[in-house]
N, C-alpha and C. Protein backbone atom coordinates (compact mmCIF):
# COMPACT_ATOMS: atom_id res chain seq x y z
N UNK A 1 0.86 -1.04 -0.06
CA UNK A 1 0.10 -0.10 0.33
C UNK A 1 1.12 1.37 -0.03
N UNK A 2 0.52 2.45 -0.72
CA UNK A 2 1.38 3.83 -0.22
C UNK A 2 0.68 4.13 1.10
N UNK A 3 1.64 5.09 1.08
CA UNK A 3 1.71 5.69 2.59
C UNK A 3 0.13 6.28 2.91
N UNK A 4 -0.81 6.55 1.79
CA UNK A 4 -1.88 7.13 1.93
C UNK A 4 -2.87 5.94 2.52
N UNK A 5 -2.62 4.31 2.21
CA UNK A 5 -3.24 3.22 2.35
C UNK A 5 -3.84 2.88 1.24
N UNK A 6 -3.99 4.02 0.33
CA UNK A 6 -4.86 3.76 -0.98
C UNK A 6 -3.88 3.31 -2.20
N UNK A 7 -4.40 2.49 -2.88
CA UNK A 7 -4.05 1.15 -4.23
C UNK A 7 -4.20 2.25 -5.39
N UNK A 8 -4.47 3.21 -5.63
CA UNK A 8 -4.24 3.99 -6.57
C UNK A 8 -2.89 4.78 -6.92
N UNK A 9 -2.14 4.13 -7.79
CA UNK A 9 -0.60 5.07 -8.49
C UNK A 9 0.32 3.88 -8.05
N UNK A 10 -0.46 2.56 -7.27
CA UNK A 10 0.71 1.42 -6.88
C UNK A 10 1.05 0.85 -8.15
N UNK A 11 0.14 0.44 -9.28
CA UNK A 11 0.27 -0.08 -10.39
C UNK A 11 1.40 0.08 -10.98
N UNK A 12 1.67 1.50 -11.25
CA UNK A 12 2.68 2.47 -11.67
C UNK A 12 4.02 2.01 -11.04
N UNK A 13 3.87 1.75 -9.65
CA UNK A 13 4.76 1.58 -8.80
C UNK A 13 5.24 -0.12 -8.91
N UNK A 14 4.37 -0.79 -9.25
CA UNK A 14 4.38 -1.95 -9.26
C UNK A 14 5.35 -2.37 -10.94
N UNK A 15 4.65 -1.38 -11.86
CA UNK A 15 5.19 -1.62 -13.09
C UNK A 15 7.08 -1.08 -13.29
N UNK A 16 6.97 -0.42 -12.53
CA UNK A 16 8.07 0.64 -12.55
C UNK A 16 9.23 -0.49 -11.80
N UNK A 17 8.72 -1.42 -10.70
CA UNK A 17 9.43 -2.10 -9.88
C UNK A 17 10.10 -1.09 -8.35
N UNK A 18 9.27 -0.19 -8.79
CA UNK A 18 9.73 0.74 -7.40
C UNK A 18 9.26 0.08 -6.18
N UNK A 19 8.13 -1.16 -6.03
CA UNK A 19 7.46 -1.98 -5.07
C UNK A 19 7.50 -3.11 -6.05
N UNK A 20 7.74 -3.98 -4.82
CA UNK A 20 7.87 -5.52 -5.62
C UNK A 20 6.18 -5.98 -5.58
N UNK A 21 6.09 -6.27 -6.68
CA UNK A 21 4.37 -6.81 -6.79
C UNK A 21 4.06 -8.01 -5.85
N UNK A 22 5.41 -8.93 -5.83
CA UNK A 22 5.00 -10.15 -5.29
C UNK A 22 4.73 -10.11 -3.79
N UNK A 23 5.36 -8.73 -3.49
CA UNK A 23 4.78 -8.67 -1.90
C UNK A 23 3.58 -8.35 -1.67
N UNK A 24 2.52 -7.84 -2.34
CA UNK A 24 1.13 -7.35 -2.15
C UNK A 24 -0.15 -8.72 -2.87
N UNK A 25 -0.25 -9.12 -2.01
CA UNK A 25 -1.67 -10.23 -2.39
C UNK A 25 -2.20 -9.68 -3.52
N UNK A 26 -2.72 -10.59 -4.60
CA UNK A 26 -3.27 -10.18 -5.62
C UNK A 26 -2.54 -9.65 -7.17
N UNK A 27 -1.41 -8.59 -6.51
CA UNK A 27 -0.80 -8.22 -7.81
C UNK A 27 0.18 -9.22 -8.27
N UNK A 28 0.62 -10.00 -7.66
CA UNK A 28 2.06 -10.98 -8.18
C UNK A 28 2.25 -11.30 -9.75
N UNK A 29 0.93 -11.51 -10.21
CA UNK A 29 1.29 -11.32 -11.50
C UNK A 29 1.70 -10.18 -12.44
N UNK A 30 1.84 -9.24 -11.80
CA UNK A 30 2.59 -8.09 -12.54
C UNK A 30 4.16 -8.49 -12.60
N UNK A 31 4.59 -9.59 -11.71
CA UNK A 31 6.45 -9.79 -11.49
C UNK A 31 6.46 -10.27 -13.02
N UNK A 32 5.49 -10.39 -13.83
CA UNK A 32 6.03 -11.23 -14.96
C UNK A 32 5.97 -10.28 -16.29
N UNK A 33 5.82 -8.77 -16.07
CA UNK A 33 5.39 -7.87 -16.71
C UNK A 33 6.60 -7.20 -17.29
N UNK A 34 6.59 -6.36 -18.54
CA UNK A 34 7.92 -5.74 -18.83
C UNK A 34 8.06 -4.28 -17.98
N UNK A 35 9.04 -4.25 -17.41
CA UNK A 35 9.64 -3.12 -16.70
C UNK A 35 9.27 -1.63 -17.32
N UNK A 36 8.37 -1.03 -16.76
CA UNK A 36 8.30 0.53 -17.34
C UNK A 36 8.71 1.64 -17.00
N UNK A 37 9.83 2.28 -17.83
CA UNK A 37 10.85 3.13 -17.30
C UNK A 37 9.97 4.83 -17.61
N UNK A 38 10.79 5.77 -16.64
CA UNK A 38 10.12 6.81 -17.01
C UNK A 38 9.66 7.64 -18.15
N UNK A 39 10.78 7.28 -18.65
CA UNK A 39 10.52 8.22 -19.92
C UNK A 39 9.23 7.75 -20.87
N UNK A 40 8.88 6.72 -20.85
CA UNK A 40 7.55 6.12 -20.89
C UNK A 40 6.47 6.83 -20.31
N UNK A 41 6.42 7.57 -19.16
CA UNK A 41 5.00 8.26 -18.91
C UNK A 41 5.07 9.14 -19.00
N UNK A 42 3.76 10.28 -19.04
CA UNK A 42 3.81 11.50 -18.96
C UNK A 42 2.26 11.60 -18.07
N UNK A 43 2.25 12.85 -17.43
CA UNK A 43 1.53 13.08 -16.89
C UNK A 43 0.64 14.66 -17.25
N UNK A 44 -0.37 14.25 -17.70
CA UNK A 44 -1.02 15.75 -18.01
C UNK A 44 -2.15 16.43 -17.25
N UNK A 45 -2.03 17.71 -16.62
CA UNK A 45 -3.40 18.05 -16.12
C UNK A 45 -3.40 17.89 -14.57
N UNK A 46 -1.91 18.10 -14.00
CA UNK A 46 -1.89 17.74 -12.43
C UNK A 46 -2.21 18.92 -11.71
N UNK A 47 -2.78 19.06 -10.47
CA UNK A 47 -2.87 20.07 -9.41
C UNK A 47 -3.27 19.70 -8.10
N UNK A 48 -2.97 19.07 -8.17
CA UNK A 48 -3.08 18.64 -6.31
C UNK A 48 -2.36 16.98 -6.22
N UNK A 49 -0.87 17.72 -5.95
CA UNK A 49 0.39 16.78 -5.54
C UNK A 49 0.82 16.68 -4.67
N UNK A 50 0.93 15.67 -3.62
CA UNK A 50 1.45 15.96 -2.52
C UNK A 50 3.16 15.86 -2.57
N UNK A 51 3.52 16.15 -1.23
CA UNK A 51 5.03 16.54 -1.34
C UNK A 51 5.70 15.42 -1.23
N UNK A 52 4.94 14.03 -1.16
CA UNK A 52 5.94 12.63 -1.40
C UNK A 52 6.28 12.46 -2.91
N UNK A 53 4.75 12.47 -3.43
CA UNK A 53 4.60 12.03 -4.77
C UNK A 53 5.53 13.37 -5.85
N UNK A 54 5.62 14.54 -5.53
CA UNK A 54 6.50 15.54 -5.87
C UNK A 54 7.86 14.87 -5.56
N UNK A 55 8.29 14.46 -4.78
CA UNK A 55 10.00 14.26 -4.89
C UNK A 55 9.86 12.98 -5.66
N UNK A 56 9.18 12.01 -5.95
CA UNK A 56 9.30 10.61 -6.58
C UNK A 56 9.19 11.52 -8.01
N UNK A 57 8.33 12.18 -8.34
CA UNK A 57 8.24 12.68 -9.88
C UNK A 57 9.68 13.04 -10.04
N UNK A 58 9.97 14.11 -9.37
CA UNK A 58 11.49 14.73 -9.62
C UNK A 58 12.45 13.75 -9.83
N UNK A 59 12.41 13.01 -8.69
CA UNK A 59 13.75 12.39 -8.63
C UNK A 59 13.79 10.72 -9.89
N UNK A 60 12.78 10.46 -10.49
CA UNK A 60 12.46 9.84 -11.67
C UNK A 60 12.89 10.35 -12.60
N UNK A 61 12.46 11.69 -12.66
CA UNK A 61 12.44 12.61 -14.10
C UNK A 61 11.35 12.16 -14.58
N UNK A 62 10.15 11.61 -14.07
CA UNK A 62 9.09 11.21 -14.87
C UNK A 62 8.66 12.92 -15.40
N UNK A 63 7.86 12.99 -16.71
CA UNK A 63 7.44 14.06 -17.39
C UNK A 63 5.81 14.34 -17.19
N UNK A 64 5.75 15.63 -16.29
CA UNK A 64 4.41 15.87 -16.06
C UNK A 64 4.55 17.50 -16.15
N UNK A 65 3.29 17.49 -16.64
CA UNK A 65 2.38 18.81 -17.50
C UNK A 65 1.44 19.28 -16.56
N UNK A 66 1.44 20.14 -15.53
CA UNK A 66 0.57 20.72 -14.45
C UNK A 66 -0.14 21.45 -15.52
N UNK A 67 -1.58 22.10 -14.71
CA UNK A 67 -2.30 22.79 -15.20
C UNK A 67 -1.89 24.23 -15.97
N UNK A 68 -0.73 24.65 -14.70
CA UNK A 68 0.04 25.91 -15.29
C UNK A 68 0.28 25.70 -16.40
N UNK A 69 1.33 24.59 -16.73
CA UNK A 69 1.47 24.27 -18.35
C UNK A 69 0.40 24.06 -19.03
N UNK A 70 -0.92 23.76 -19.00
CA UNK A 70 -1.51 23.49 -19.76
C UNK A 70 -1.72 25.18 -20.13
N UNK A 71 -1.71 25.76 -19.07
CA UNK A 71 -2.16 27.59 -19.43
C UNK A 71 -0.87 27.77 -19.96
N UNK A 72 0.09 27.83 -19.86
CA UNK A 72 1.27 28.48 -20.31
C UNK A 72 1.48 28.25 -21.86
N UNK A 73 1.46 26.87 -22.18
CA UNK A 73 1.63 26.30 -23.72
C UNK A 73 0.32 25.88 -24.50
N UNK A 74 -0.78 25.89 -23.73
CA UNK A 74 -1.89 25.14 -24.34
C UNK A 74 -1.91 23.52 -24.36
N UNK A 75 -3.29 23.13 -24.44
CA UNK A 75 -3.20 21.95 -24.54
C UNK A 75 -2.55 21.40 -25.71
N UNK A 76 -2.78 22.24 -26.83
CA UNK A 76 -2.15 21.60 -28.37
C UNK A 76 -0.38 21.49 -27.74
N UNK A 77 0.37 22.45 -26.99
CA UNK A 77 1.37 22.55 -27.44
C UNK A 77 1.65 20.98 -26.00
N UNK A 78 0.97 20.94 -24.67
CA UNK A 78 1.47 20.07 -24.53
C UNK A 78 1.10 18.55 -24.78
N UNK A 79 0.25 18.23 -25.53
CA UNK A 79 0.06 17.35 -26.27
C UNK A 79 1.35 17.07 -27.29
N UNK A 80 1.85 17.95 -28.04
CA UNK A 80 2.88 18.16 -28.68
C UNK A 80 4.01 18.00 -27.97
N UNK A 81 4.46 18.08 -27.23
CA UNK A 81 5.28 17.75 -26.30
C UNK A 81 5.44 16.34 -26.05
N UNK A 82 4.02 16.17 -25.95
CA UNK A 82 3.73 14.41 -24.89
C UNK A 82 4.33 13.64 -25.95
N UNK A 83 3.64 14.05 -27.10
CA UNK A 83 3.44 12.73 -28.62
C UNK A 83 4.85 13.13 -28.91
N UNK A 84 5.63 13.87 -28.96
CA UNK A 84 7.02 13.67 -29.20
C UNK A 84 7.73 12.86 -28.26
N UNK A 85 7.68 12.94 -26.80
CA UNK A 85 8.67 12.21 -26.43
C UNK A 85 8.16 10.73 -26.27
N UNK A 86 6.50 10.57 -26.51
CA UNK A 86 6.62 9.16 -26.97
C UNK A 86 6.46 8.23 -28.06
N UNK A 87 6.77 9.34 -28.99
CA UNK A 87 6.72 8.53 -30.59
C UNK A 87 7.31 7.34 -30.35
N UNK A 88 6.75 6.83 -31.49
CA UNK A 88 7.03 5.45 -32.32
C UNK A 88 6.80 4.15 -31.42
N UNK A 89 6.22 4.38 -30.44
CA UNK A 89 5.82 2.99 -29.40
C UNK A 89 4.06 3.18 -29.33
N UNK A 90 3.83 2.07 -29.13
CA UNK A 90 2.23 1.53 -28.87
C UNK A 90 2.03 2.94 -27.94
N UNK A 91 0.88 3.34 -27.38
CA UNK A 91 0.21 3.95 -26.29
C UNK A 91 -0.75 3.64 -25.60
N UNK A 92 -0.60 3.36 -24.25
CA UNK A 92 -1.61 3.13 -23.45
C UNK A 92 -1.83 4.69 -22.45
N UNK A 93 -3.18 4.74 -22.50
CA UNK A 93 -3.83 5.88 -22.06
C UNK A 93 -4.44 5.43 -20.70
N UNK A 94 -4.27 6.23 -19.46
CA UNK A 94 -5.02 5.92 -18.43
C UNK A 94 -5.39 7.46 -17.97
N UNK A 95 -6.96 7.43 -18.28
CA UNK A 95 -7.61 8.49 -18.07
C UNK A 95 -8.14 8.57 -17.04
N UNK A 96 -7.46 9.88 -15.97
CA UNK A 96 -8.13 9.90 -14.91
C UNK A 96 -9.54 10.78 -14.95
N UNK A 97 -10.84 10.84 -14.67
CA UNK A 97 -11.60 11.76 -14.76
C UNK A 97 -11.52 12.69 -13.76
N UNK A 98 -10.69 12.52 -12.95
CA UNK A 98 -10.44 13.64 -12.17
C UNK A 98 -9.77 14.70 -12.85
N UNK A 99 -8.96 14.49 -13.66
CA UNK A 99 -8.41 15.41 -14.33
C UNK A 99 -9.00 16.75 -14.85
N UNK A 100 -10.12 16.27 -15.37
CA UNK A 100 -11.23 17.26 -15.80
C UNK A 100 -11.59 17.75 -14.59
N UNK A 101 -11.81 19.48 -14.93
CA UNK A 101 -12.65 20.32 -14.16
C UNK A 101 -13.96 19.80 -13.35
N UNK A 102 -14.29 19.72 -12.24
CA UNK A 102 -15.56 19.17 -11.73
C UNK A 102 -16.70 19.74 -12.20
N UNK A 103 -16.84 21.02 -12.96
CA UNK A 103 -17.78 21.22 -13.43
C UNK A 103 -18.41 20.26 -14.66
N UNK A 104 -17.41 19.56 -15.30
CA UNK A 104 -17.89 19.12 -16.34
C UNK A 104 -17.79 17.37 -15.86
N UNK A 105 -16.78 16.75 -14.60
CA UNK A 105 -17.00 15.75 -14.10
C UNK A 105 -17.19 15.67 -12.65
N UNK A 106 -18.20 15.85 -12.06
CA UNK A 106 -18.35 16.19 -10.63
C UNK A 106 -18.33 14.65 -9.66
N UNK A 107 -18.89 13.51 -10.29
CA UNK A 107 -18.69 12.48 -9.74
C UNK A 107 -17.27 11.68 -9.37
N UNK A 108 -16.32 11.90 -8.99
CA UNK A 108 -14.95 11.20 -8.88
C UNK A 108 -14.66 11.91 -7.13
N UNK A 109 -13.55 10.75 -7.26
CA UNK A 109 -13.09 10.95 -5.77
C UNK A 109 -12.60 11.71 -4.99
N UNK A 110 -11.64 12.46 -6.00
CA UNK A 110 -10.93 13.60 -6.02
C UNK A 110 -11.07 14.88 -6.70
N UNK A 111 -12.06 15.88 -6.39
CA UNK A 111 -12.14 17.03 -7.26
C UNK A 111 -11.56 17.98 -6.57
N UNK A 112 -11.06 19.07 -7.65
CA UNK A 112 -9.89 19.55 -7.34
C UNK A 112 -10.61 20.54 -8.68
N UNK A 113 -10.79 22.13 -8.27
CA UNK A 113 -11.48 22.85 -9.44
C UNK A 113 -9.88 23.53 -10.09
N UNK A 114 -10.56 23.78 -11.21
CA UNK A 114 -9.27 24.16 -12.29
C UNK A 114 -8.69 23.25 -13.02
N UNK A 115 -9.64 22.16 -13.20
CA UNK A 115 -9.16 20.98 -14.24
C UNK A 115 -9.29 21.45 -15.34
N UNK A 116 -8.86 20.34 -16.13
CA UNK A 116 -9.36 20.10 -17.57
C UNK A 116 -10.56 20.88 -18.08
N UNK A 117 -10.81 21.58 -19.27
CA UNK A 117 -11.98 22.09 -20.04
C UNK A 117 -12.70 20.65 -20.52
N UNK A 118 -13.75 21.07 -20.89
CA UNK A 118 -14.67 20.18 -21.54
C UNK A 118 -13.58 19.70 -22.73
N UNK A 119 -13.21 20.69 -23.69
CA UNK A 119 -12.40 20.50 -25.11
C UNK A 119 -11.09 20.44 -24.46
N UNK A 120 -10.27 20.97 -23.78
CA UNK A 120 -8.95 20.34 -23.34
C UNK A 120 -8.94 18.78 -23.30
N UNK A 121 -10.07 18.48 -22.30
CA UNK A 121 -9.96 16.94 -21.97
C UNK A 121 -10.37 16.01 -23.42
N UNK A 122 -11.02 16.76 -24.22
CA UNK A 122 -11.29 15.87 -25.56
C UNK A 122 -10.04 15.80 -26.44
N UNK A 123 -9.05 17.30 -26.09
CA UNK A 123 -8.20 17.12 -27.40
C UNK A 123 -7.18 16.32 -26.57
N UNK A 124 -6.64 15.87 -25.70
CA UNK A 124 -6.23 14.91 -25.02
C UNK A 124 -6.04 13.61 -25.87
N UNK A 125 -7.30 13.24 -25.74
CA UNK A 125 -7.64 11.68 -26.54
C UNK A 125 -7.85 11.69 -28.09
N UNK A 126 -8.10 12.99 -28.43
CA UNK A 126 -8.03 13.70 -29.87
C UNK A 126 -7.01 13.38 -30.59
N UNK A 127 -5.78 14.27 -29.75
CA UNK A 127 -4.43 13.44 -30.42
C UNK A 127 -3.47 12.69 -30.39
N UNK A 128 -3.88 11.73 -29.05
CA UNK A 128 -3.47 10.51 -28.77
C UNK A 128 -3.91 9.60 -30.06
N UNK A 129 -5.29 9.68 -30.27
CA UNK A 129 -5.78 8.80 -31.03
C UNK A 129 -5.86 9.12 -32.92
N UNK A 130 -5.19 10.45 -32.95
CA UNK A 130 -5.11 10.41 -34.41
C UNK A 130 -2.97 10.17 -34.61
N UNK A 131 -2.51 9.43 -33.39
CA UNK A 131 -1.44 9.31 -34.00
C UNK A 131 -1.44 7.83 -34.52
N UNK A 132 -2.30 7.19 -34.17
CA UNK A 132 -2.86 5.84 -34.37
C UNK A 132 -1.53 4.85 -33.81
N UNK A 133 -1.00 5.30 -32.32
CA UNK A 133 -0.38 4.52 -31.70
C UNK A 133 -1.52 4.31 -30.62
N UNK A 134 -2.63 4.56 -30.23
CA UNK A 134 -3.41 4.20 -28.94
C UNK A 134 -3.27 2.48 -29.24
N UNK A 135 -3.18 1.69 -27.90
CA UNK A 135 -2.93 0.28 -28.10
C UNK A 135 -3.96 0.12 -27.09
N UNK A 136 -4.26 0.77 -26.38
CA UNK A 136 -5.22 0.41 -24.97
C UNK A 136 -5.62 1.90 -24.19
N UNK A 137 -6.78 1.43 -23.41
CA UNK A 137 -7.15 2.85 -22.87
C UNK A 137 -8.28 2.67 -21.48
N UNK A 138 -7.75 3.23 -20.20
CA UNK A 138 -8.65 3.00 -19.42
C UNK A 138 -9.20 4.37 -18.66
N UNK A 139 -10.31 4.01 -18.36
CA UNK A 139 -11.12 5.02 -18.01
C UNK A 139 -11.36 5.08 -16.11
N UNK A 140 -10.40 6.01 -15.19
CA UNK A 140 -10.64 5.51 -14.07
C UNK A 140 -11.40 6.99 -13.28
N UNK A 141 -11.71 6.18 -12.18
CA UNK A 141 -12.04 7.40 -10.95
C UNK A 141 -13.43 8.06 -11.48
N UNK A 142 -14.28 7.28 -12.36
CA UNK A 142 -15.67 7.77 -12.65
C UNK A 142 -16.63 7.15 -11.65
N UNK A 143 -17.15 7.70 -10.83
CA UNK A 143 -17.70 7.10 -9.39
C UNK A 143 -18.84 7.65 -9.41
N UNK A 144 -20.32 6.99 -9.78
CA UNK A 144 -21.69 7.57 -9.69
C UNK A 144 -22.00 7.42 -7.99
N UNK A 145 -21.31 6.67 -7.12
CA UNK A 145 -21.68 6.84 -5.79
C UNK A 145 -21.73 8.04 -4.84
N UNK A 146 -20.69 8.98 -5.25
CA UNK A 146 -20.41 10.19 -5.06
C UNK A 146 -21.16 11.33 -5.44
N UNK A 147 -22.16 11.46 -6.21
CA UNK A 147 -22.86 12.30 -6.46
C UNK A 147 -24.25 12.42 -6.88
N UNK A 148 -25.53 13.52 -6.72
CA UNK A 148 -26.67 12.76 -7.32
C UNK A 148 -26.66 13.04 -8.52
N UNK A 149 -28.12 12.29 -8.70
CA UNK A 149 -28.09 12.18 -10.55
C UNK A 149 -27.64 12.80 -11.53
N UNK A 150 -28.18 14.34 -11.39
CA UNK A 150 -27.62 15.11 -12.27
C UNK A 150 -25.50 15.12 -12.25
N UNK A 151 -25.05 15.00 -11.57
CA UNK A 151 -23.95 14.98 -11.44
C UNK A 151 -23.21 13.19 -11.77
N UNK A 152 -23.65 12.52 -10.96
CA UNK A 152 -23.79 11.32 -12.27
C UNK A 152 -23.92 11.16 -13.62
N UNK A 153 -24.94 11.34 -13.63
CA UNK A 153 -25.07 11.81 -15.49
C UNK A 153 -24.07 12.76 -16.21
N UNK A 154 -23.45 13.84 -15.61
CA UNK A 154 -22.58 14.77 -16.36
C UNK A 154 -21.59 13.64 -16.37
N UNK A 155 -20.85 12.99 -15.39
CA UNK A 155 -19.52 12.30 -15.06
C UNK A 155 -19.22 11.08 -16.16
N UNK A 156 -20.76 10.49 -16.11
CA UNK A 156 -20.56 9.24 -17.12
C UNK A 156 -20.80 9.12 -18.52
N UNK A 157 -21.39 10.84 -18.62
CA UNK A 157 -21.87 11.19 -20.20
C UNK A 157 -20.19 11.63 -20.31
N UNK A 158 -19.35 12.36 -19.48
CA UNK A 158 -17.99 13.20 -20.04
C UNK A 158 -17.04 11.40 -20.30
N UNK A 159 -17.03 10.50 -19.55
CA UNK A 159 -16.09 9.68 -19.55
C UNK A 159 -16.88 8.88 -21.14
N UNK A 160 -17.57 8.41 -21.33
CA UNK A 160 -18.09 7.92 -22.28
C UNK A 160 -17.96 8.81 -23.92
N UNK A 161 -18.21 9.81 -23.24
CA UNK A 161 -17.62 10.89 -24.42
C UNK A 161 -16.06 11.13 -24.62
N UNK A 162 -15.24 10.68 -23.89
CA UNK A 162 -13.70 10.61 -24.00
C UNK A 162 -13.53 9.45 -24.25
N UNK A 163 -13.97 8.72 -24.23
CA UNK A 163 -13.77 7.41 -24.95
C UNK A 163 -13.95 7.08 -26.34
N UNK A 164 -15.03 7.62 -26.42
CA UNK A 164 -15.36 7.99 -28.05
C UNK A 164 -14.73 8.65 -28.86
N UNK A 165 -14.14 9.41 -28.38
CA UNK A 165 -13.07 10.63 -28.87
C UNK A 165 -11.73 9.72 -28.86
N UNK A 166 -11.60 8.89 -27.91
CA UNK A 166 -10.04 8.09 -28.14
C UNK A 166 -10.23 6.98 -28.94
N UNK A 167 -11.49 6.88 -29.76
CA UNK A 167 -11.61 5.96 -30.59
C UNK A 167 -12.11 6.24 -31.83
N UNK A 168 -12.33 7.58 -31.87
CA UNK A 168 -11.79 8.24 -32.94
C UNK A 168 -13.03 9.38 -33.92
N UNK A 169 -13.67 9.23 -32.82
CA UNK A 169 -14.82 10.28 -32.99
C UNK A 169 -14.60 11.42 -33.02
N UNK A 170 -15.12 11.72 -34.20
CA UNK A 170 -14.82 13.44 -34.58
C UNK A 170 -15.99 14.03 -35.28
N UNK A 171 -15.78 15.47 -35.11
CA UNK A 171 -16.80 16.84 -35.45
C UNK A 171 -17.19 16.52 -36.58
N UNK A 172 -15.84 16.66 -37.90
CA UNK A 172 -15.66 16.37 -38.82
C UNK A 172 -14.95 15.28 -39.39
């Protein structure tokens, strides 16, 4: 478990072998997977990172774009830098819905104002999709238990729309 007692983030730690997956029941199978290197990871839209996470990200040299970077470079610039770094390899996108501003996705475990706008959220997966390199996608932290009917509906619709965009749906 992490210091917080939560398992989120731990699969990446297992894949990078920062934590031995054979020591955590149910995760032993990850010992047989390829090792994930820091240069193969990019985080986009960060806005609430605790001190211990900041240290690990910096020490490992993992590329991170906070919302300040999105403001500075625009989501197009952030995605261009991201895809340049990851060019030439199959991509996995783990889309944490709480990267999206809670105005658009309120039913999630960690709501922090100032997240990705509706269009920025879509642009991330549209840009990945357009590379032709998207091999897998997961949508996490959609949690309809945490909101009222309207909040749940908007969060689920946002998650489904993002998946649709990742799979190639476009306006034109």
